[in-house]
Amino acid sequence: TAPQVMAIEPVLGVIEHQTLHPEARLFARDPGLYHVSIFGQPGGSGPWGWRFQGHHISLNYTLVDGEIASLPTFFGSNPAELGAHRPLAAEEDFARDLVMSLDGDQRSAALISPVAPEDIVTFEHRAVEDGQLPALFAGGRDLTPEERDEQQAARRAKLGLTAEMLEVLKYSSTPRGVAASTMDGGQRQRLTSLIRAYVDRLPNQVAQFEWTRLERGGIDGVHFAWGGPIERHEPYYYRLQAPNFLVECDNTQNDANHIHSVWRDPANDFGAALLRDHYAAAHQQPE
């Protein structure tokens, strides 16, 4: 997936240059402009980690006391679709197959908003917290809080996002949508294929560990929620959620041809839980 995302960057550069938008020239769209960062001493006795990051890719691994945290992972693509080139086709197609397979009551539970948010709800927040609202893009980095509020209110009105929609779209540790426990065999298979599209991005051994952890928590507890129309090439958003498991995906920007997808662990993003336990043990006073 990563090479496909990186390969489309020059295309985006041409598109942005043709728009003649002043801010388009601020960003270099270069498939070589990705970086590896290492934290701590690899293979040493202390915690360490590494990150691979650039436009539309963020991979994060933290290793503590023989355990590994592999989240968050983020992939995007702009354009999302360029002829037959669709780097995140599985993440989109499996989700749409699932929502279209739902019956009346299930679909009513899954469709939490007729309008999709403009981006993933947890956006670029370092931690997932209850009450986080969908991001809205307000131009300019030097706006006062009042000016930003005004622009965001205007943006909500343009998108048709009402206060009621924002309330159901905001992040809550209580999942919204339709539960896997109510799905039939075919629907559960579609749900499994969708989840595996995210899990199988990881190296094989890590993917197996994450899948086992998810199964141990119970697939029945996974909830699926959708915002926006369900037809192709229309702006949409969906969320998969269970304890310690959160997936978000949207394709709303650039006439619904600019996709973002993220998989997070609200309790252990960037190895937060592993590091907390490690340092708590390291600083215990001897009896």
Protein backbone atom coordinates (compact mmCIF):
# COMPACT_ATOMS: atom_id res chain seq x y z
CA THR A 1 0.00 0.00 0.00
CA ALA A 2 2.75 2.44 0.92
CA PRO A 3 4.50 2.36 -2.49
CA GLN A 4 1.15 2.89 -4.22
CA VAL A 5 0.41 5.92 -2.05
CA MET A 6 3.87 7.34 -2.63
CA ALA A 7 3.69 6.76 -6.39
CA ILE A 8 0.61 8.96 -6.75
CA GLU A 9 2.28 12.01 -5.18
CA PRO A 10 3.65 13.43 -8.49
CA VAL A 11 0.12 13.28 -9.92
CA LEU A 12 -1.15 15.32 -6.99
CA GLY A 13 1.66 17.79 -7.59
CA VAL A 14 0.49 18.33 -11.18
CA ILE A 15 -3.14 18.69 -10.09
CA GLU A 16 -2.28 21.24 -7.41
CA HIS A 17 -0.04 23.20 -9.77
CA GLN A 18 -2.86 23.39 -12.33
CA THR A 19 -5.27 24.79 -9.75
CA LEU A 20 -2.99 27.82 -9.38
CA HIS A 21 -4.08 28.01 -5.76
CA PRO A 22 -1.47 30.09 -3.86
CA GLU A 23 -1.14 27.57 -1.03
CA ALA A 24 -0.62 24.68 -3.48
CA ARG A 25 3.00 25.74 -3.98
CA LEU A 26 3.74 25.47 -0.25
CA PHE A 27 3.81 21.67 -0.39
CA ALA A 28 6.35 19.52 -2.22
CA ARG A 29 4.70 16.40 -3.67
CA ASP A 30 7.72 14.15 -3.93
CA PRO A 31 7.65 10.32 -3.63
CA GLY A 32 11.07 10.54 -2.00
CA LEU A 33 9.94 12.94 0.72
CA TYR A 34 9.30 10.27 3.38
CA HIS A 35 11.36 9.79 6.52
CA VAL A 36 12.30 7.11 9.02
CA SER A 37 12.70 8.28 12.62
CA ILE A 38 14.15 6.12 15.41
CA PHE A 39 13.50 6.75 19.08
CA GLY A 40 15.74 5.22 21.72
CA GLN A 41 18.28 2.46 21.15
CA PRO A 42 17.06 -0.33 18.83
CA GLY A 43 17.49 -3.72 20.46
CA GLY A 44 18.53 -2.20 23.76
CA SER A 45 17.09 -2.94 27.17
CA GLY A 46 15.00 0.25 27.26
CA PRO A 47 11.87 1.18 25.31
CA TRP A 48 12.45 2.17 21.71
CA GLY A 49 10.43 2.77 18.58
CA TRP A 50 10.44 3.82 14.97
CA ARG A 51 8.21 5.75 12.61
CA PHE A 52 7.83 5.94 8.84
CA GLN A 53 6.06 9.12 7.84
CA GLY A 54 5.29 11.45 4.97
CA HIS A 55 2.24 12.74 3.14
CA HIS A 56 -0.64 10.28 3.57
CA ILE A 57 1.45 7.67 5.41
CA SER A 58 2.19 7.32 9.12
CA LEU A 59 3.41 4.00 10.56
CA ASN A 60 4.36 3.82 14.24
CA TYR A 61 5.93 1.00 16.26
CA THR A 62 6.87 1.05 19.95
CA LEU A 63 8.71 -1.84 21.63
CA VAL A 64 8.69 -2.12 25.42
CA ASP A 65 9.86 -5.08 27.53
CA GLY A 66 9.42 -7.55 24.68
CA GLU A 67 5.96 -6.28 23.70
CA ILE A 68 5.05 -4.27 20.63
CA ALA A 69 2.49 -1.54 19.94
CA SER A 70 1.89 -1.03 16.24
CA LEU A 71 -0.65 1.81 16.21
CA PRO A 72 -1.70 4.25 14.98
CA THR A 73 -1.42 3.48 11.28
CA PHE A 74 -2.63 6.00 8.74
CA PHE A 75 -2.93 5.79 4.96
CA GLY A 76 -4.51 8.23 2.54
CA SER A 77 -4.53 8.85 -1.17
CA ASN A 78 -5.20 11.92 -3.30
CA PRO A 79 -6.58 11.17 -5.81
CA ALA A 80 -8.26 8.15 -4.23
CA GLU A 81 -9.04 6.85 -7.70
CA LEU A 82 -6.96 7.45 -10.82
CA GLY A 83 -8.23 5.12 -13.51
CA ALA A 84 -7.60 1.60 -12.20
CA HIS A 85 -5.15 2.88 -9.58
CA ARG A 86 -6.90 2.79 -6.18
CA PRO A 87 -4.40 2.34 -3.32
CA LEU A 88 -7.17 1.97 -0.71
CA ALA A 89 -9.75 0.09 -2.76
CA ALA A 90 -10.29 -2.68 -0.19
CA GLU A 91 -10.94 -0.21 2.64
CA GLU A 92 -13.65 1.43 0.54
CA ASP A 93 -15.21 -1.51 -1.28
CA PHE A 94 -15.54 -3.89 1.67
CA ALA A 95 -17.20 -1.16 3.74
CA ARG A 96 -19.67 -0.27 1.01
CA ASP A 97 -20.49 -3.95 0.44
CA LEU A 98 -21.19 -4.27 4.15
CA VAL A 99 -23.46 -1.24 4.45
CA MET A 100 -25.41 -2.24 1.34
CA SER A 101 -25.93 -5.75 2.73
CA LEU A 102 -27.67 -4.46 5.86
CA ASP A 103 -31.44 -4.82 6.13
CA GLY A 104 -33.85 -2.07 7.14
CA ASP A 105 -33.35 -2.03 10.91
CA GLN A 106 -29.63 -2.72 10.67
CA ARG A 107 -29.14 0.02 8.10
CA SER A 108 -31.12 2.48 10.23
CA ALA A 109 -28.78 1.75 13.14
CA ALA A 110 -25.64 1.99 10.97
CA LEU A 111 -26.48 5.24 9.15
CA ILE A 112 -25.82 7.71 11.93
CA SER A 113 -25.72 10.85 9.77
CA PRO A 114 -26.97 11.73 6.26
CA VAL A 115 -23.93 14.00 5.85
CA ALA A 116 -20.32 12.86 6.19
CA PRO A 117 -17.84 14.86 8.25
CA GLU A 118 -15.10 16.60 6.31
CA ASP A 119 -12.35 14.37 7.71
CA ILE A 120 -11.73 11.59 10.21
CA VAL A 121 -13.15 12.65 13.56
CA THR A 122 -10.05 11.98 15.68
CA PHE A 123 -8.11 13.97 13.05
CA GLU A 124 -4.49 14.63 14.09
CA HIS A 125 -5.12 14.49 17.85
CA ARG A 126 -2.32 12.75 19.74
CA ALA A 127 -4.81 10.87 21.90
CA VAL A 128 -8.38 9.67 21.34
CA GLU A 129 -10.74 11.32 23.80
CA ASP A 130 -14.49 11.43 24.31
CA GLY A 131 -16.20 14.42 22.79
CA GLN A 132 -13.78 15.04 19.91
CA LEU A 133 -15.72 16.70 17.09
CA PRO A 134 -15.25 16.31 13.34
CA ALA A 135 -12.51 18.53 11.96
CA LEU A 136 -13.56 21.43 9.78
CA PHE A 137 -11.12 23.29 7.56
CA ALA A 138 -10.94 27.01 8.18
CA GLY A 139 -8.48 28.91 6.05
CA GLY A 140 -5.52 30.79 7.46
CA ARG A 141 -3.17 29.96 10.30
CA ASP A 142 -3.34 33.40 11.94
CA LEU A 143 -7.06 33.55 12.66
CA THR A 144 -8.32 34.63 16.05
CA PRO A 145 -10.48 32.06 17.90
CA GLU A 146 -13.54 34.15 17.04
CA GLU A 147 -12.65 34.28 13.33
CA ARG A 148 -12.01 30.54 13.30
CA ASP A 149 -15.37 29.88 14.98
CA GLU A 150 -17.08 32.04 12.37
CA GLN A 151 -15.39 30.25 9.49
CA GLN A 152 -16.16 26.83 10.94
CA ALA A 153 -19.83 27.77 11.44
CA ALA A 154 -19.98 28.87 7.82
CA ARG A 155 -18.27 25.67 6.76
CA ARG A 156 -20.77 23.53 8.71
CA ALA A 157 -23.64 25.39 7.07
CA LYS A 158 -22.16 24.87 3.60
CA LEU A 159 -21.71 21.15 4.23
CA GLY A 160 -25.16 20.82 5.77
CA LEU A 161 -23.81 19.52 9.09
CA THR A 162 -26.37 20.31 11.77
CA ALA A 163 -25.76 20.33 15.52
CA GLU A 164 -27.62 17.01 15.76
CA MET A 165 -25.36 15.43 13.14
CA LEU A 166 -22.23 16.69 14.88
CA GLU A 167 -23.49 15.22 18.15
CA VAL A 168 -23.79 11.69 16.72
CA LEU A 169 -20.59 11.96 14.68
CA LYS A 170 -18.37 13.07 17.56
CA TYR A 171 -16.17 10.42 19.14
CA SER A 172 -17.58 8.54 22.10
CA SER A 173 -16.11 5.54 23.89
CA THR A 174 -19.63 4.12 23.69
CA PRO A 175 -19.80 2.78 20.11
CA ARG A 176 -22.48 3.93 17.70
CA GLY A 177 -23.88 2.03 14.75
CA VAL A 178 -24.86 -1.59 14.19
CA ALA A 179 -23.22 -4.34 16.26
CA ALA A 180 -21.61 -7.39 14.68
CA SER A 181 -23.68 -9.53 17.05
CA THR A 182 -26.80 -8.63 15.02
CA MET A 183 -25.25 -9.55 11.65
CA ASP A 184 -25.86 -12.76 9.71
CA GLY A 185 -23.09 -14.98 8.37
CA GLY A 186 -22.60 -13.12 5.11
CA GLN A 187 -22.53 -9.74 6.80
CA ARG A 188 -20.03 -10.95 9.38
CA GLN A 189 -17.81 -12.22 6.57
CA ARG A 190 -17.94 -8.77 4.96
CA LEU A 191 -17.11 -7.19 8.31
CA THR A 192 -14.20 -9.61 8.79
CA SER A 193 -12.85 -8.78 5.32
CA LEU A 194 -13.03 -5.08 6.12
CA ILE A 195 -11.20 -5.46 9.43
CA ARG A 196 -8.56 -7.66 7.80
CA ALA A 197 -7.93 -4.93 5.21
CA TYR A 198 -6.52 -2.89 8.11
CA VAL A 199 -4.92 -5.66 10.18
CA ASP A 200 -3.14 -7.29 7.24
CA ARG A 201 -1.31 -4.06 6.45
CA LEU A 202 1.01 -5.00 9.31
CA PRO A 203 3.93 -7.45 9.09
CA ASN A 204 2.62 -11.02 9.31
CA GLN A 205 3.56 -11.81 12.91
CA VAL A 206 2.32 -8.46 14.18
CA ALA A 207 -0.90 -8.80 12.18
CA GLN A 208 -1.54 -12.22 13.69
CA PHE A 209 -0.95 -10.83 17.18
CA GLU A 210 -3.41 -7.95 16.57
CA TRP A 211 -6.01 -10.26 15.05
CA THR A 212 -5.77 -12.67 18.00
CA ARG A 213 -6.14 -9.74 20.40
CA LEU A 214 -9.23 -8.54 18.54
CA GLU A 215 -10.77 -12.01 18.54
CA ARG A 216 -10.07 -12.34 22.26
CA GLY A 217 -11.98 -9.11 22.83
CA GLY A 218 -14.84 -10.48 20.74
CA ILE A 219 -15.75 -9.63 17.15
CA ASP A 220 -19.39 -9.45 18.31
CA GLY A 221 -18.50 -6.23 20.10
CA VAL A 222 -17.40 -4.43 16.92
CA HIS A 223 -19.83 -1.71 15.83
CA PHE A 224 -20.08 -0.33 12.28
CA ALA A 225 -21.33 3.22 11.65
CA TRP A 226 -21.67 5.14 8.39
CA GLY A 227 -22.16 8.81 7.54
CA GLY A 228 -23.23 10.20 4.17
CA PRO A 229 -24.68 8.54 1.05
CA ILE A 230 -23.79 4.91 0.32
CA GLU A 231 -23.44 5.24 -3.47
CA ARG A 232 -19.98 5.28 -5.08
CA HIS A 233 -18.35 8.63 -5.76
CA GLU A 234 -20.43 10.30 -3.06
CA PRO A 235 -18.78 11.71 0.10
CA TYR A 236 -18.85 9.16 2.92
CA TYR A 237 -17.41 8.34 6.33
CA TYR A 238 -17.40 5.14 8.36
CA ARG A 239 -16.21 3.97 11.75
CA LEU A 240 -15.41 0.54 13.22
CA GLN A 241 -15.26 0.52 16.99
CA ALA A 242 -14.80 -1.92 19.86
CA PRO A 243 -12.83 -1.68 23.12
CA ASN A 244 -9.20 -0.82 22.25
CA PHE A 245 -10.07 -0.81 18.54
CA LEU A 246 -10.98 2.17 16.37
CA VAL A 247 -10.97 2.50 12.59
CA GLU A 248 -12.06 5.61 10.73
CA CYS A 249 -12.22 6.21 6.99
CA ASP A 250 -13.53 9.10 4.93
CA ASN A 251 -13.61 10.04 1.29
CA THR A 252 -15.12 13.51 1.15
CA GLN A 253 -12.63 16.07 -0.11
CA ASN A 254 -11.84 16.93 -3.74
CA ASP A 255 -15.27 15.83 -4.95
CA ALA A 256 -15.07 12.59 -2.95
CA ASN A 257 -11.77 11.58 -4.54
CA HIS A 258 -9.42 12.05 -1.58
CA ILE A 259 -9.42 9.25 0.99
CA HIS A 260 -8.10 8.99 4.56
CA SER A 261 -8.01 5.88 6.74
CA VAL A 262 -6.69 5.37 10.25
CA TRP A 263 -6.54 2.51 12.75
CA ARG A 264 -5.99 3.47 16.38
CA ASP A 265 -6.01 1.95 19.85
CA PRO A 266 -7.51 4.59 22.17
CA ALA A 267 -5.79 2.96 25.17
CA ASN A 268 -2.39 2.27 23.62
CA ASP A 269 -1.65 4.62 20.72
CA PHE A 270 2.12 5.13 20.42
CA GLY A 271 2.56 2.45 23.10
CA ALA A 272 1.13 4.74 25.78
CA ALA A 273 -0.13 1.88 27.96
CA LEU A 274 3.06 -0.14 27.56
CA LEU A 275 5.20 2.86 28.48
CA ARG A 276 2.99 3.74 31.45
CA ASP A 277 3.27 0.22 32.85
CA HIS A 278 7.02 0.13 32.20
CA TYR A 279 7.75 3.37 34.02
CA ALA A 280 5.35 2.54 36.86
CA ALA A 281 7.25 -0.70 37.45
CA ALA A 282 10.63 1.00 37.11
CA HIS A 283 9.78 3.55 39.79
CA GLN A 284 8.22 1.25 42.35
CA GLN A 285 9.82 1.61 45.76
CA PRO A 286 11.29 -1.61 47.21
CA GLU A 287 9.43 -2.97 50.22
